[in-house]
Amino acid sequence: MTTPNELRLLPWSGPGDKPCYLSTDDPDGYVSRLADNIEAVQLGTAAELLEEAAEALDNQDTSLNGMRCLVEELTGALRDVFRVATSRGHLRATSDPRESAC
């Protein structure tokens, strides 16, 4: 997924919620594959939470505590998806400069 000498933003954070980066010449290495799998899980979780949110909004009996829990989960999923989008956007911009021009 990354080219040599390019840092990849990983889909998890380090201590103090600081970003973690991977530098590797092997885009099929263990950590790269692990990151790809975690990104897929994060995106799948976000899709499931979107469906759950739509159902909760349609249900007049959804409790305030239930909505708060859902918002907390959605916030975490949005944070993960934003990190994935940032990482992939950076990769696209560095791999093909024509794609970053608006």
N, C-alpha and C. Protein backbone atom coordinates (compact mmCIF):
# COMPACT_ATOMS: atom_id res chain seq x y z
N MET A 1 0.81 -1.19 0.00
CA MET A 1 0.00 0.00 0.00
C MET A 1 0.86 1.26 0.00
N THR A 2 2.04 1.19 0.59
CA THR A 2 2.92 2.35 0.60
C THR A 2 4.09 2.10 -0.33
N THR A 3 4.67 3.18 -0.81
CA THR A 3 5.87 3.07 -1.62
C THR A 3 7.08 3.16 -0.70
N PRO A 4 8.25 2.74 -1.15
CA PRO A 4 9.43 2.82 -0.30
C PRO A 4 9.65 4.25 0.20
N ASN A 5 10.11 4.35 1.42
CA ASN A 5 10.41 5.63 2.08
C ASN A 5 9.16 6.46 2.36
N GLU A 6 7.98 5.88 2.28
CA GLU A 6 6.75 6.59 2.58
C GLU A 6 6.18 6.06 3.88
N LEU A 7 5.79 6.97 4.76
CA LEU A 7 5.20 6.56 6.03
C LEU A 7 3.71 6.32 5.85
N ARG A 8 3.22 5.26 6.44
CA ARG A 8 1.80 4.95 6.41
C ARG A 8 1.22 5.24 7.79
N LEU A 9 0.16 6.04 7.81
CA LEU A 9 -0.57 6.27 9.06
C LEU A 9 -1.33 5.00 9.38
N LEU A 10 -1.06 4.44 10.55
CA LEU A 10 -1.70 3.19 10.94
C LEU A 10 -3.07 3.45 11.56
N PRO A 11 -3.96 2.46 11.51
CA PRO A 11 -5.33 2.66 11.99
C PRO A 11 -5.49 2.57 13.50
N TRP A 12 -4.43 2.71 14.22
CA TRP A 12 -4.50 2.75 15.69
C TRP A 12 -3.59 3.86 16.18
N SER A 13 -3.79 4.25 17.41
CA SER A 13 -2.96 5.32 17.96
C SER A 13 -2.08 4.76 19.08
N GLY A 14 -1.08 5.54 19.42
CA GLY A 14 -0.16 5.16 20.47
C GLY A 14 -0.51 5.84 21.77
N PRO A 15 0.39 5.81 22.73
CA PRO A 15 0.15 6.47 24.02
C PRO A 15 -0.19 7.95 23.82
N GLY A 16 -1.14 8.42 24.59
CA GLY A 16 -1.55 9.81 24.48
C GLY A 16 -2.31 10.09 23.20
N ASP A 17 -2.86 9.05 22.57
CA ASP A 17 -3.62 9.17 21.32
C ASP A 17 -2.79 9.76 20.18
N LYS A 18 -1.47 9.54 20.25
CA LYS A 18 -0.59 10.03 19.19
C LYS A 18 -0.63 9.07 18.01
N PRO A 19 -0.52 9.60 16.78
CA PRO A 19 -0.57 8.73 15.60
C PRO A 19 0.63 7.80 15.54
N CYS A 20 0.39 6.64 14.95
CA CYS A 20 1.46 5.67 14.72
C CYS A 20 1.67 5.56 13.21
N TYR A 21 2.93 5.45 12.83
CA TYR A 21 3.28 5.36 11.41
C TYR A 21 4.12 4.12 11.17
N LEU A 22 4.04 3.62 9.96
CA LEU A 22 4.83 2.48 9.54
C LEU A 22 5.71 2.89 8.37
N SER A 23 6.97 2.54 8.48
CA SER A 23 7.91 2.74 7.38
C SER A 23 8.40 1.36 6.98
N THR A 24 8.11 0.97 5.74
CA THR A 24 8.51 -0.35 5.29
C THR A 24 8.69 -0.37 3.78
N ASP A 25 9.54 -1.25 3.33
CA ASP A 25 9.71 -1.48 1.89
C ASP A 25 8.84 -2.63 1.43
N ASP A 26 8.14 -3.26 2.37
CA ASP A 26 7.32 -4.43 2.04
C ASP A 26 5.84 -4.14 2.33
N PRO A 27 5.08 -3.72 1.31
CA PRO A 27 3.67 -3.41 1.53
C PRO A 27 2.83 -4.65 1.86
N ASP A 28 3.41 -5.83 1.70
CA ASP A 28 2.71 -7.07 2.05
C ASP A 28 3.25 -7.68 3.34
N GLY A 29 4.00 -6.90 4.10
CA GLY A 29 4.56 -7.39 5.35
C GLY A 29 3.49 -7.56 6.41
N TYR A 30 3.87 -8.16 7.51
CA TYR A 30 2.93 -8.49 8.59
C TYR A 30 2.17 -7.27 9.10
N VAL A 31 2.87 -6.18 9.42
CA VAL A 31 2.20 -5.01 10.00
C VAL A 31 1.31 -4.34 8.95
N SER A 32 1.73 -4.32 7.70
CA SER A 32 0.88 -3.75 6.64
C SER A 32 -0.40 -4.54 6.48
N ARG A 33 -0.29 -5.86 6.48
CA ARG A 33 -1.50 -6.70 6.37
C ARG A 33 -2.38 -6.56 7.59
N LEU A 34 -1.77 -6.48 8.77
CA LEU A 34 -2.52 -6.27 10.00
C LEU A 34 -3.29 -4.95 9.93
N ALA A 35 -2.63 -3.89 9.48
CA ALA A 35 -3.28 -2.59 9.35
C ALA A 35 -4.44 -2.66 8.35
N ASP A 36 -4.23 -3.33 7.22
CA ASP A 36 -5.30 -3.48 6.23
C ASP A 36 -6.51 -4.19 6.84
N ASN A 37 -6.25 -5.26 7.60
CA ASN A 37 -7.35 -6.01 8.23
C ASN A 37 -8.08 -5.17 9.28
N ILE A 38 -7.33 -4.43 10.06
CA ILE A 38 -7.96 -3.60 11.09
C ILE A 38 -8.78 -2.50 10.44
N GLU A 39 -8.28 -1.90 9.36
CA GLU A 39 -9.06 -0.89 8.64
C GLU A 39 -10.37 -1.48 8.14
N ALA A 40 -10.33 -2.69 7.60
CA ALA A 40 -11.54 -3.34 7.09
C ALA A 40 -12.54 -3.56 8.22
N VAL A 41 -12.07 -3.99 9.37
CA VAL A 41 -12.95 -4.18 10.52
C VAL A 41 -13.54 -2.84 10.97
N GLN A 42 -12.71 -1.81 11.02
CA GLN A 42 -13.19 -0.50 11.44
C GLN A 42 -14.27 0.03 10.50
N LEU A 43 -14.06 -0.12 9.21
CA LEU A 43 -15.06 0.34 8.24
C LEU A 43 -16.34 -0.48 8.33
N GLY A 44 -16.21 -1.77 8.55
CA GLY A 44 -17.39 -2.62 8.73
C GLY A 44 -18.17 -2.26 9.97
N THR A 45 -17.47 -1.98 11.05
CA THR A 45 -18.13 -1.57 12.29
C THR A 45 -18.88 -0.26 12.09
N ALA A 46 -18.27 0.68 11.39
CA ALA A 46 -18.93 1.96 11.12
C ALA A 46 -20.21 1.76 10.31
N ALA A 47 -20.17 0.88 9.33
CA ALA A 47 -21.36 0.61 8.52
C ALA A 47 -22.48 0.01 9.38
N GLU A 48 -22.13 -0.91 10.27
CA GLU A 48 -23.12 -1.51 11.16
C GLU A 48 -23.71 -0.47 12.10
N LEU A 49 -22.87 0.42 12.62
CA LEU A 49 -23.36 1.46 13.52
C LEU A 49 -24.27 2.46 12.81
N LEU A 50 -24.00 2.73 11.55
CA LEU A 50 -24.89 3.61 10.79
C LEU A 50 -26.28 3.00 10.68
N GLU A 51 -26.35 1.71 10.42
CA GLU A 51 -27.66 1.03 10.37
C GLU A 51 -28.34 1.08 11.73
N GLU A 52 -27.59 0.84 12.78
CA GLU A 52 -28.14 0.88 14.13
C GLU A 52 -28.65 2.28 14.47
N ALA A 53 -27.91 3.30 14.05
CA ALA A 53 -28.32 4.68 14.32
C ALA A 53 -29.62 5.01 13.58
N ALA A 54 -29.73 4.57 12.35
CA ALA A 54 -30.95 4.82 11.58
C ALA A 54 -32.16 4.18 12.26
N GLU A 55 -31.97 2.95 12.74
CA GLU A 55 -33.06 2.26 13.44
C GLU A 55 -33.42 2.97 14.74
N ALA A 56 -32.41 3.42 15.47
CA ALA A 56 -32.65 4.11 16.75
C ALA A 56 -33.40 5.42 16.52
N LEU A 57 -33.06 6.12 15.46
CA LEU A 57 -33.74 7.38 15.17
C LEU A 57 -35.19 7.17 14.76
N ASP A 58 -35.45 6.04 14.11
CA ASP A 58 -36.83 5.72 13.70
C ASP A 58 -37.68 5.22 14.86
N ASN A 59 -37.02 4.75 15.92
CA ASN A 59 -37.72 4.16 17.06
C ASN A 59 -37.99 5.24 18.11
N GLN A 60 -39.25 5.56 18.31
CA GLN A 60 -39.63 6.58 19.29
C GLN A 60 -39.34 6.14 20.72
N ASP A 61 -39.17 4.86 20.95
CA ASP A 61 -38.94 4.34 22.29
C ASP A 61 -37.46 4.24 22.66
N THR A 62 -36.58 4.71 21.81
CA THR A 62 -35.16 4.67 22.13
C THR A 62 -34.89 5.59 23.31
N SER A 63 -34.26 5.04 24.35
CA SER A 63 -34.01 5.81 25.57
C SER A 63 -32.86 6.80 25.37
N LEU A 64 -32.82 7.78 26.23
CA LEU A 64 -31.73 8.76 26.20
C LEU A 64 -30.39 8.07 26.46
N ASN A 65 -30.37 7.14 27.41
CA ASN A 65 -29.13 6.40 27.68
C ASN A 65 -28.71 5.56 26.48
N GLY A 66 -29.69 4.97 25.81
CA GLY A 66 -29.39 4.19 24.60
C GLY A 66 -28.79 5.06 23.51
N MET A 67 -29.35 6.26 23.36
CA MET A 67 -28.83 7.19 22.35
C MET A 67 -27.42 7.67 22.73
N ARG A 68 -27.21 7.91 24.01
CA ARG A 68 -25.87 8.34 24.44
C ARG A 68 -24.83 7.26 24.16
N CYS A 69 -25.17 6.03 24.43
CA CYS A 69 -24.24 4.92 24.15
C CYS A 69 -23.97 4.82 22.65
N LEU A 70 -25.02 4.98 21.87
CA LEU A 70 -24.87 4.92 20.42
C LEU A 70 -23.99 6.06 19.91
N VAL A 71 -24.20 7.25 20.44
CA VAL A 71 -23.37 8.40 20.04
C VAL A 71 -21.91 8.16 20.41
N GLU A 72 -21.68 7.58 21.57
CA GLU A 72 -20.31 7.27 21.98
C GLU A 72 -19.66 6.28 21.01
N GLU A 73 -20.40 5.25 20.63
CA GLU A 73 -19.88 4.26 19.68
C GLU A 73 -19.66 4.89 18.31
N LEU A 74 -20.61 5.73 17.87
CA LEU A 74 -20.47 6.40 16.58
C LEU A 74 -19.27 7.34 16.57
N THR A 75 -19.02 8.01 17.69
CA THR A 75 -17.87 8.91 17.79
C THR A 75 -16.57 8.13 17.61
N GLY A 76 -16.45 6.99 18.25
CA GLY A 76 -15.26 6.16 18.09
C GLY A 76 -15.11 5.65 16.66
N ALA A 77 -16.24 5.24 16.07
CA ALA A 77 -16.19 4.75 14.69
C ALA A 77 -15.82 5.86 13.72
N LEU A 78 -16.37 7.06 13.96
CA LEU A 78 -16.04 8.19 13.09
C LEU A 78 -14.56 8.54 13.21
N ARG A 79 -14.01 8.47 14.40
CA ARG A 79 -12.58 8.73 14.61
C ARG A 79 -11.75 7.72 13.81
N ASP A 80 -12.15 6.44 13.87
CA ASP A 80 -11.43 5.40 13.12
C ASP A 80 -11.53 5.62 11.62
N VAL A 81 -12.73 5.91 11.14
CA VAL A 81 -12.93 6.10 9.70
C VAL A 81 -12.18 7.33 9.21
N PHE A 82 -12.16 8.38 10.03
CA PHE A 82 -11.42 9.58 9.66
C PHE A 82 -9.93 9.27 9.54
N ARG A 83 -9.41 8.46 10.45
CA ARG A 83 -7.99 8.08 10.39
C ARG A 83 -7.71 7.27 9.12
N VAL A 84 -8.61 6.34 8.78
CA VAL A 84 -8.45 5.55 7.56
C VAL A 84 -8.49 6.47 6.33
N ALA A 85 -9.46 7.38 6.30
CA ALA A 85 -9.58 8.29 5.17
C ALA A 85 -8.36 9.19 5.04
N THR A 86 -7.86 9.66 6.17
CA THR A 86 -6.66 10.51 6.16
C THR A 86 -5.48 9.73 5.61
N SER A 87 -5.32 8.50 6.07
CA SER A 87 -4.22 7.67 5.61
C SER A 87 -4.33 7.38 4.12
N ARG A 88 -5.50 6.99 3.67
CA ARG A 88 -5.68 6.66 2.25
C ARG A 88 -5.60 7.90 1.37
N GLY A 89 -6.10 9.02 1.87
CA GLY A 89 -5.99 10.27 1.10
C GLY A 89 -4.54 10.69 0.94
N HIS A 90 -3.76 10.52 2.00
CA HIS A 90 -2.35 10.85 1.93
C HIS A 90 -1.64 9.93 0.94
N LEU A 91 -1.99 8.67 0.97
CA LEU A 91 -1.35 7.72 0.06
C LEU A 91 -1.68 8.05 -1.39
N ARG A 92 -2.93 8.42 -1.66
CA ARG A 92 -3.32 8.78 -3.03
C ARG A 92 -2.59 10.03 -3.49
N ALA A 93 -2.51 11.02 -2.61
CA ALA A 93 -1.87 12.29 -2.97
C ALA A 93 -0.38 12.10 -3.26
N THR A 94 0.25 11.21 -2.55
CA THR A 94 1.68 11.01 -2.76
C THR A 94 1.97 10.05 -3.91
N SER A 95 1.00 9.19 -4.25
CA SER A 95 1.26 8.21 -5.30
C SER A 95 0.93 8.75 -6.68
N ASP A 96 -0.07 9.67 -6.79
CA ASP A 96 -0.44 10.22 -8.09
C ASP A 96 -0.81 11.69 -7.91
N PRO A 97 0.10 12.60 -8.17
CA PRO A 97 -0.18 14.03 -7.93
C PRO A 97 -1.36 14.53 -8.74
N ARG A 98 -1.69 13.92 -9.88
CA ARG A 98 -2.84 14.36 -10.68
C ARG A 98 -4.14 14.18 -9.93
N GLU A 99 -4.23 13.17 -9.05
CA GLU A 99 -5.45 12.88 -8.34
C GLU A 99 -5.71 13.89 -7.21
N SER A 100 -4.68 14.59 -6.75
CA SER A 100 -4.88 15.54 -5.66
C SER A 100 -5.27 16.91 -6.15
N ALA A 101 -5.17 17.16 -7.45
CA ALA A 101 -5.54 18.48 -8.00
C ALA A 101 -7.05 18.59 -8.06
N CYS A 102 -7.57 19.74 -7.61
CA CYS A 102 -9.03 19.95 -7.63
C CYS A 102 -9.40 20.99 -8.65
